[in-house]
C-alpha atoms as a PDB file:
ATOM      1  CA  MET A   1      44.155 -34.703-116.573  1.00  0.00           C
ATOM      2  CA  GLY A   2      46.620 -32.137-115.257  1.00  0.00           C
ATOM      3  CA  CYS A   3      46.616 -29.939-112.218  1.00  0.00           C
ATOM      4  CA  SER A   4      46.989 -26.198-112.284  1.00  0.00           C
ATOM      5  CA  LEU A   5      49.292 -24.375-109.883  1.00  0.00           C
ATOM      6  CA  GLU A   6      48.052 -20.880-110.722  1.00  0.00           C
ATOM      7  CA  ARG A   7      46.291 -20.489-107.354  1.00  0.00           C
ATOM      8  CA  LEU A   8      49.483 -21.055-105.356  1.00  0.00           C
ATOM      9  CA  LYS A   9      51.451 -18.295-103.697  1.00  0.00           C
ATOM     10  CA  VAL A  10      55.129 -19.323-103.551  1.00  0.00           C
ATOM     11  CA  LEU A  11      57.830 -18.051-101.229  1.00  0.00           C
ATOM     12  CA  VAL A  12      61.239 -18.196-102.943  1.00  0.00           C
ATOM     13  CA  VAL A  13      64.169 -17.957-100.519  1.00  0.00           C
ATOM     14  CA  ASP A  14      67.756 -17.562-101.694  1.00  0.00           C
ATOM     15  CA  ASP A  15      70.596 -15.155-101.022  1.00  0.00           C
ATOM     16  CA  ASN A  16      71.346 -14.948-104.749  1.00  0.00           C
ATOM     17  CA  PRO A  17      68.911 -12.680-106.658  1.00  0.00           C
ATOM     18  CA  HIS A  18      69.803 -14.399-109.938  1.00  0.00           C
ATOM     19  CA  MET A  19      68.713 -17.770-108.550  1.00  0.00           C
ATOM     20  CA  ILE A  20      65.453 -16.260-107.310  1.00  0.00           C
ATOM     21  CA  ASN A  21      64.742 -15.136-110.867  1.00  0.00           C
ATOM     22  CA  VAL A  22      65.658 -18.552-112.279  1.00  0.00           C
ATOM     23  CA  VAL A  23      63.303 -20.330-109.873  1.00  0.00           C
ATOM     24  CA  LYS A  24      60.493 -17.852-110.567  1.00  0.00           C
ATOM     25  CA  THR A  25      60.942 -18.317-114.319  1.00  0.00           C
ATOM     26  CA  ILE A  26      60.657 -22.088-113.945  1.00  0.00           C
ATOM     27  CA  LEU A  27      57.584 -21.778-111.732  1.00  0.00           C
ATOM     28  CA  ARG A  28      55.922 -19.425-114.220  1.00  0.00           C
ATOM     29  CA  GLY A  29      56.210 -22.293-116.698  1.00  0.00           C
ATOM     30  CA  PHE A  30      53.918 -24.232-114.338  1.00  0.00           C
ATOM     31  CA  ASP A  31      51.421 -21.313-114.270  1.00  0.00           C
ATOM     32  CA  VAL A  32      52.390 -20.042-110.806  1.00  0.00           C
ATOM     33  CA  LYS A  33      51.388 -16.364-110.753  1.00  0.00           C
ATOM     34  CA  GLU A  34      52.086 -15.080-107.227  1.00  0.00           C
ATOM     35  CA  PHE A  35      55.491 -14.902-105.568  1.00  0.00           C
ATOM     36  CA  LEU A  36      57.135 -13.539-102.461  1.00  0.00           C
ATOM     37  CA  ASP A  37      60.931 -13.161-102.417  1.00  0.00           C
ATOM     38  CA  ALA A  38      63.225 -13.432 -99.415  1.00  0.00           C
ATOM     39  CA  ASN A  39      67.006 -13.148 -99.196  1.00  0.00           C
ATOM     40  CA  GLY A  40      67.334 -15.511 -96.239  1.00  0.00           C
ATOM     41  CA  ALA A  41      65.561 -17.309 -93.433  1.00  0.00           C
ATOM     42  CA  ALA A  42      65.037 -14.205 -91.301  1.00  0.00           C
ATOM     43  CA  ASP A  43      63.394 -12.338 -94.198  1.00  0.00           C
ATOM     44  CA  ALA A  44      61.275 -15.395 -95.025  1.00  0.00           C
ATOM     45  CA  PHE A  45      59.978 -15.699 -91.468  1.00  0.00           C
ATOM     46  CA  GLN A  46      59.029 -12.022 -91.439  1.00  0.00           C
ATOM     47  CA  LEU A  47      57.088 -12.420 -94.686  1.00  0.00           C
ATOM     48  CA  ILE A  48      55.094 -15.429 -93.491  1.00  0.00           C
ATOM     49  CA  ARG A  49      54.131 -13.934 -90.146  1.00  0.00           C
END
């Protein structure tokens, strides 16, 4: 019995675009389909408002 993460929307925050892609690639392996990207805390807060 496993759980699916495909219904999650994930906010990935990092100032390094390469690391954002690495994290998204890993999460895709867990069936996460929806992402938002932010380059820092200020950008992240704007996205979640």
